[in-house]
Amino acid sequence: MDTSPAVILIVAAVAVAVVAMLVATVVLFVKVFRTRALLREAGLPLSNRAAYWGALIYVVSPVDLLPDPVYLDDIGVLLLALRSLHAASAGAAAHVQGRERKGSRTRSTRPRSLGSP
Protein backbone atom coordinates (compact mmCIF):
# COMPACT_ATOMS: atom_id res chain seq x y z
CA MET A 1 0.00 0.00 0.00
CA ASP A 2 1.53 3.24 -1.18
CA THR A 3 0.74 6.19 1.08
CA SER A 4 1.91 9.47 -0.21
CA PRO A 5 2.89 12.30 2.13
CA ALA A 6 -0.02 14.37 0.80
CA VAL A 7 -2.57 11.79 1.96
CA ILE A 8 -0.95 11.54 5.38
CA LEU A 9 -0.92 15.33 5.64
CA ILE A 10 -4.61 15.59 4.73
CA VAL A 11 -5.60 12.89 7.22
CA ALA A 12 -3.56 14.62 9.95
CA ALA A 13 -5.16 17.98 9.17
CA VAL A 14 -8.66 16.46 9.33
CA ALA A 15 -7.82 14.74 12.62
CA VAL A 16 -6.55 18.01 14.11
CA ALA A 17 -9.69 19.84 12.94
CA VAL A 18 -11.96 17.20 14.48
CA VAL A 19 -10.08 17.32 17.79
CA ALA A 20 -10.21 21.13 17.80
CA MET A 21 -13.98 21.10 17.19
CA LEU A 22 -14.44 18.50 19.92
CA VAL A 23 -12.45 20.61 22.39
CA ALA A 24 -14.44 23.72 21.48
CA THR A 25 -17.70 21.81 21.96
CA VAL A 26 -16.64 20.51 25.37
CA VAL A 27 -15.51 23.97 26.51
CA LEU A 28 -18.78 25.57 25.42
CA PHE A 29 -20.78 22.73 26.98
CA VAL A 30 -19.04 23.34 30.32
CA LYS A 31 -19.70 27.09 30.08
CA VAL A 32 -23.37 26.51 29.35
CA PHE A 33 -23.63 23.97 32.16
CA ARG A 34 -22.09 26.41 34.64
CA THR A 35 -24.62 29.09 33.76
CA ARG A 36 -27.35 27.14 35.52
CA ALA A 37 -26.46 29.17 38.62
CA LEU A 38 -27.27 32.35 36.69
CA LEU A 39 -30.64 30.87 35.82
CA ARG A 40 -31.45 30.33 39.47
CA GLU A 41 -30.21 33.74 40.65
CA ALA A 42 -31.54 35.94 37.87
CA GLY A 43 -35.08 34.64 37.66
CA LEU A 44 -34.91 34.41 33.87
CA PRO A 45 -38.03 33.87 31.78
CA LEU A 46 -39.05 30.39 30.67
CA SER A 47 -37.95 30.95 27.06
CA ASN A 48 -34.35 31.53 28.10
CA ARG A 49 -34.33 28.55 30.42
CA ALA A 50 -35.77 26.45 27.59
CA ALA A 51 -32.95 27.61 25.29
CA TYR A 52 -30.44 26.53 27.94
CA TRP A 53 -31.90 23.08 28.47
CA GLY A 54 -32.54 22.63 24.75
CA ALA A 55 -28.88 23.33 23.96
CA LEU A 56 -27.69 20.83 26.54
CA ILE A 57 -30.06 18.16 25.28
CA TYR A 58 -29.09 18.81 21.65
CA VAL A 59 -25.38 18.42 22.38
CA VAL A 60 -25.75 15.08 24.14
CA SER A 61 -28.46 13.71 21.85
CA PRO A 62 -27.49 11.33 19.06
CA VAL A 63 -29.60 13.29 16.53
CA ASP A 64 -27.54 15.99 14.79
CA LEU A 65 -27.92 18.27 11.80
CA LEU A 66 -24.38 17.39 10.76
CA PRO A 67 -22.61 14.06 11.35
CA ASP A 68 -20.75 13.78 14.66
CA PRO A 69 -17.18 14.24 13.42
CA VAL A 70 -18.29 17.78 12.46
CA TYR A 71 -19.24 19.59 15.68
CA LEU A 72 -20.11 22.91 14.06
CA ASP A 73 -23.84 22.48 14.67
CA ASP A 74 -23.25 21.68 18.34
CA ILE A 75 -20.96 24.69 18.70
CA GLY A 76 -23.54 26.92 17.02
CA VAL A 77 -26.35 25.75 19.30
CA LEU A 78 -24.21 26.26 22.39
CA LEU A 79 -23.15 29.73 21.27
CA LEU A 80 -26.77 30.72 20.63
CA ALA A 81 -27.76 29.45 24.09
CA LEU A 82 -24.90 31.34 25.75
CA ARG A 83 -25.77 34.51 23.85
CA SER A 84 -29.43 34.20 24.83
CA LEU A 85 -28.56 33.59 28.48
CA HIS A 86 -26.07 36.46 28.55
CA ALA A 87 -28.59 38.90 27.09
CA ALA A 88 -31.32 37.73 29.46
CA SER A 89 -29.09 37.88 32.53
CA ALA A 90 -27.87 41.35 31.58
CA GLY A 91 -31.48 42.47 31.21
CA ALA A 92 -32.42 40.93 34.54
CA ALA A 93 -29.43 42.55 36.25
CA ALA A 94 -30.34 45.95 34.81
CA HIS A 95 -33.91 45.48 36.01
CA VAL A 96 -32.74 44.60 39.54
CA GLN A 97 -30.33 47.56 39.62
CA GLY A 98 -33.12 49.85 38.48
CA ARG A 99 -35.34 48.61 41.30
CA GLU A 100 -32.53 49.08 43.84
CA ARG A 101 -31.85 52.63 42.63
CA LYS A 102 -35.51 53.47 42.75
CA GLY A 103 -35.73 52.06 46.28
CA SER A 104 -32.65 53.93 47.48
CA ARG A 105 -33.97 57.22 46.06
CA THR A 106 -37.27 56.85 47.87
CA ARG A 107 -35.47 56.07 51.12
CA SER A 108 -33.01 58.95 50.87
CA THR A 109 -35.60 61.55 49.92
CA ARG A 110 -38.02 60.51 52.62
CA PRO A 111 -37.61 62.70 55.72
CA ARG A 112 -36.73 60.86 58.90
CA SER A 113 -38.84 61.35 61.95
CA LEU A 114 -37.11 62.52 65.12
CA GLY A 115 -37.84 59.32 67.00
CA SER A 116 -36.45 56.89 64.42
CA PRO A 117 -32.79 55.79 64.63
C-alpha atoms as a PDB file:
ATOM      1  CA  MET A   1       0.000   0.000   0.000  1.00  0.00           C
ATOM      2  CA  ASP A   2       1.527   3.235  -1.182  1.00  0.00           C
ATOM      3  CA  THR A   3       0.737   6.190   1.082  1.00  0.00           C
ATOM      4  CA  SER A   4       1.914   9.475  -0.211  1.00  0.00           C
ATOM      5  CA  PRO A   5       2.890  12.304   2.130  1.00  0.00           C
ATOM      6  CA  ALA A   6      -0.018  14.371   0.801  1.00  0.00           C
ATOM      7  CA  VAL A   7      -2.570  11.793   1.964  1.00  0.00           C
ATOM      8  CA  ILE A   8      -0.954  11.542   5.376  1.00  0.00           C
ATOM      9  CA  LEU A   9      -0.919  15.332   5.641  1.00  0.00           C
ATOM     10  CA  ILE A  10      -4.610  15.587   4.726  1.00  0.00           C
ATOM     11  CA  VAL A  11      -5.596  12.888   7.222  1.00  0.00           C
ATOM     12  CA  ALA A  12      -3.562  14.615   9.948  1.00  0.00           C
ATOM     13  CA  ALA A  13      -5.161  17.979   9.167  1.00  0.00           C
ATOM     14  CA  VAL A  14      -8.656  16.465   9.326  1.00  0.00           C
ATOM     15  CA  ALA A  15      -7.816  14.741  12.616  1.00  0.00           C
ATOM     16  CA  VAL A  16      -6.546  18.009  14.109  1.00  0.00           C
ATOM     17  CA  ALA A  17      -9.691  19.839  12.944  1.00  0.00           C
ATOM     18  CA  VAL A  18     -11.957  17.197  14.482  1.00  0.00           C
ATOM     19  CA  VAL A  19     -10.078  17.317  17.789  1.00  0.00           C
ATOM     20  CA  ALA A  20     -10.212  21.135  17.801  1.00  0.00           C
ATOM     21  CA  MET A  21     -13.978  21.100  17.191  1.00  0.00           C
ATOM     22  CA  LEU A  22     -14.442  18.501  19.924  1.00  0.00           C
ATOM     23  CA  VAL A  23     -12.448  20.607  22.391  1.00  0.00           C
ATOM     24  CA  ALA A  24     -14.444  23.724  21.484  1.00  0.00           C
ATOM     25  CA  THR A  25     -17.695  21.814  21.957  1.00  0.00           C
ATOM     26  CA  VAL A  26     -16.642  20.513  25.370  1.00  0.00           C
ATOM     27  CA  VAL A  27     -15.511  23.971  26.507  1.00  0.00           C
ATOM     28  CA  LEU A  28     -18.779  25.565  25.415  1.00  0.00           C
ATOM     29  CA  PHE A  29     -20.776  22.726  26.981  1.00  0.00           C
ATOM     30  CA  VAL A  30     -19.041  23.337  30.317  1.00  0.00           C
ATOM     31  CA  LYS A  31     -19.700  27.090  30.082  1.00  0.00           C
ATOM     32  CA  VAL A  32     -23.375  26.506  29.346  1.00  0.00           C
ATOM     33  CA  PHE A  33     -23.628  23.966  32.161  1.00  0.00           C
ATOM     34  CA  ARG A  34     -22.088  26.407  34.643  1.00  0.00           C
ATOM     35  CA  THR A  35     -24.625  29.087  33.757  1.00  0.00           C
ATOM     36  CA  ARG A  36     -27.349  27.144  35.518  1.00  0.00           C
ATOM     37  CA  ALA A  37     -26.456  29.172  38.624  1.00  0.00           C
ATOM     38  CA  LEU A  38     -27.273  32.348  36.694  1.00  0.00           C
ATOM     39  CA  LEU A  39     -30.642  30.872  35.823  1.00  0.00           C
ATOM     40  CA  ARG A  40     -31.447  30.330  39.471  1.00  0.00           C
ATOM     41  CA  GLU A  41     -30.211  33.737  40.645  1.00  0.00           C
ATOM     42  CA  ALA A  42     -31.542  35.936  37.869  1.00  0.00           C
ATOM     43  CA  GLY A  43     -35.083  34.645  37.663  1.00  0.00           C
ATOM     44  CA  LEU A  44     -34.913  34.415  33.873  1.00  0.00           C
ATOM     45  CA  PRO A  45     -38.034  33.867  31.777  1.00  0.00           C
ATOM     46  CA  LEU A  46     -39.050  30.387  30.674  1.00  0.00           C
ATOM     47  CA  SER A  47     -37.955  30.947  27.060  1.00  0.00           C
ATOM     48  CA  ASN A  48     -34.348  31.533  28.103  1.00  0.00           C
ATOM     49  CA  ARG A  49     -34.334  28.553  30.418  1.00  0.00           C
ATOM     50  CA  ALA A  50     -35.771  26.454  27.593  1.00  0.00           C
ATOM     51  CA  ALA A  51     -32.949  27.608  25.294  1.00  0.00           C
ATOM     52  CA  TYR A  52     -30.442  26.532  27.943  1.00  0.00           C
ATOM     53  CA  TRP A  53     -31.896  23.080  28.473  1.00  0.00           C
ATOM     54  CA  GLY A  54     -32.538  22.626  24.747  1.00  0.00           C
ATOM     55  CA  ALA A  55     -28.881  23.332  23.963  1.00  0.00           C
ATOM     56  CA  LEU A  56     -27.687  20.829  26.543  1.00  0.00           C
ATOM     57  CA  ILE A  57     -30.057  18.157  25.276  1.00  0.00           C
ATOM     58  CA  TYR A  58     -29.089  18.809  21.650  1.00  0.00           C
ATOM     59  CA  VAL A  59     -25.378  18.425  22.376  1.00  0.00           C
ATOM     60  CA  VAL A  60     -25.750  15.084  24.139  1.00  0.00           C
ATOM     61  CA  SER A  61     -28.460  13.710  21.849  1.00  0.00           C
ATOM     62  CA  PRO A  62     -27.489  11.327  19.061  1.00  0.00           C
ATOM     63  CA  VAL A  63     -29.596  13.290  16.534  1.00  0.00           C
ATOM     64  CA  ASP A  64     -27.545  15.994  14.789  1.00  0.00           C
ATOM     65  CA  LEU A  65     -27.920  18.268  11.798  1.00  0.00           C
ATOM     66  CA  LEU A  66     -24.375  17.389  10.755  1.00  0.00           C
ATOM     67  CA  PRO A  67     -22.607  14.059  11.353  1.00  0.00           C
ATOM     68  CA  ASP A  68     -20.751  13.782  14.657  1.00  0.00           C
ATOM     69  CA  PRO A  69     -17.177  14.240  13.425  1.00  0.00           C
ATOM     70  CA  VAL A  70     -18.288  17.779  12.462  1.00  0.00           C
ATOM     71  CA  TYR A  71     -19.239  19.592  15.684  1.00  0.00           C
ATOM     72  CA  LEU A  72     -20.112  22.910  14.058  1.00  0.00           C
ATOM     73  CA  ASP A  73     -23.841  22.483  14.667  1.00  0.00           C
ATOM     74  CA  ASP A  74     -23.252  21.683  18.344  1.00  0.00           C
ATOM     75  CA  ILE A  75     -20.959  24.689  18.696  1.00  0.00           C
ATOM     76  CA  GLY A  76     -23.538  26.916  17.020  1.00  0.00           C
ATOM     77  CA  VAL A  77     -26.347  25.747  19.296  1.00  0.00           C
ATOM     78  CA  LEU A  78     -24.206  26.256  22.390  1.00  0.00           C
ATOM     79  CA  LEU A  79     -23.146  29.734  21.265  1.00  0.00           C
ATOM     80  CA  LEU A  80     -26.768  30.723  20.634  1.00  0.00           C
ATOM     81  CA  ALA A  81     -27.761  29.455  24.085  1.00  0.00           C
ATOM     82  CA  LEU A  82     -24.904  31.336  25.749  1.00  0.00           C
ATOM     83  CA  ARG A  83     -25.774  34.508  23.847  1.00  0.00           C
ATOM     84  CA  SER A  84     -29.426  34.200  24.828  1.00  0.00           C
ATOM     85  CA  LEU A  85     -28.561  33.592  28.483  1.00  0.00           C
ATOM     86  CA  HIS A  86     -26.074  36.457  28.550  1.00  0.00           C
ATOM     87  CA  ALA A  87     -28.585  38.903  27.093  1.00  0.00           C
ATOM     88  CA  ALA A  88     -31.324  37.729  29.458  1.00  0.00           C
ATOM     89  CA  SER A  89     -29.094  37.881  32.534  1.00  0.00           C
ATOM     90  CA  ALA A  90     -27.865  41.354  31.578  1.00  0.00           C
ATOM     91  CA  GLY A  91     -31.480  42.468  31.207  1.00  0.00           C
ATOM     92  CA  ALA A  92     -32.423  40.927  34.540  1.00  0.00           C
ATOM     93  CA  ALA A  93     -29.430  42.547  36.248  1.00  0.00           C
ATOM     94  CA  ALA A  94     -30.344  45.948  34.815  1.00  0.00           C
ATOM     95  CA  HIS A  95     -33.908  45.478  36.013  1.00  0.00           C
ATOM     96  CA  VAL A  96     -32.739  44.598  39.540  1.00  0.00           C
ATOM     97  CA  GLN A  97     -30.331  47.560  39.624  1.00  0.00           C
ATOM     98  CA  GLY A  98     -33.123  49.846  38.478  1.00  0.00           C
ATOM     99  CA  ARG A  99     -35.341  48.613  41.305  1.00  0.00           C
ATOM    100  CA  GLU A 100     -32.526  49.083  43.841  1.00  0.00           C
ATOM    101  CA  ARG A 101     -31.851  52.633  42.632  1.00  0.00           C
ATOM    102  CA  LYS A 102     -35.508  53.468  42.750  1.00  0.00           C
ATOM    103  CA  GLY A 103     -35.730  52.057  46.282  1.00  0.00           C
ATOM    104  CA  SER A 104     -32.646  53.931  47.478  1.00  0.00           C
ATOM    105  CA  ARG A 105     -33.969  57.222  46.063  1.00  0.00           C
ATOM    106  CA  THR A 106     -37.266  56.848  47.871  1.00  0.00           C
ATOM    107  CA  ARG A 107     -35.467  56.070  51.118  1.00  0.00           C
ATOM    108  CA  SER A 108     -33.006  58.947  50.866  1.00  0.00           C
ATOM    109  CA  THR A 109     -35.605  61.555  49.924  1.00  0.00           C
ATOM    110  CA  ARG A 110     -38.019  60.510  52.620  1.00  0.00           C
ATOM    111  CA  PRO A 111     -37.607  62.698  55.723  1.00  0.00           C
ATOM    112  CA  ARG A 112     -36.729  60.858  58.905  1.00  0.00           C
ATOM    113  CA  SER A 113     -38.842  61.354  61.953  1.00  0.00           C
ATOM    114  CA  LEU A 114     -37.110  62.520  65.120  1.00  0.00           C
ATOM    115  CA  GLY A 115     -37.843  59.315  67.004  1.00  0.00           C
ATOM    116  CA  SER A 116     -36.447  56.892  64.422  1.00  0.00           C
ATOM    117  CA  PRO A 117     -32.792  55.791  64.626  1.00  0.00           C
END
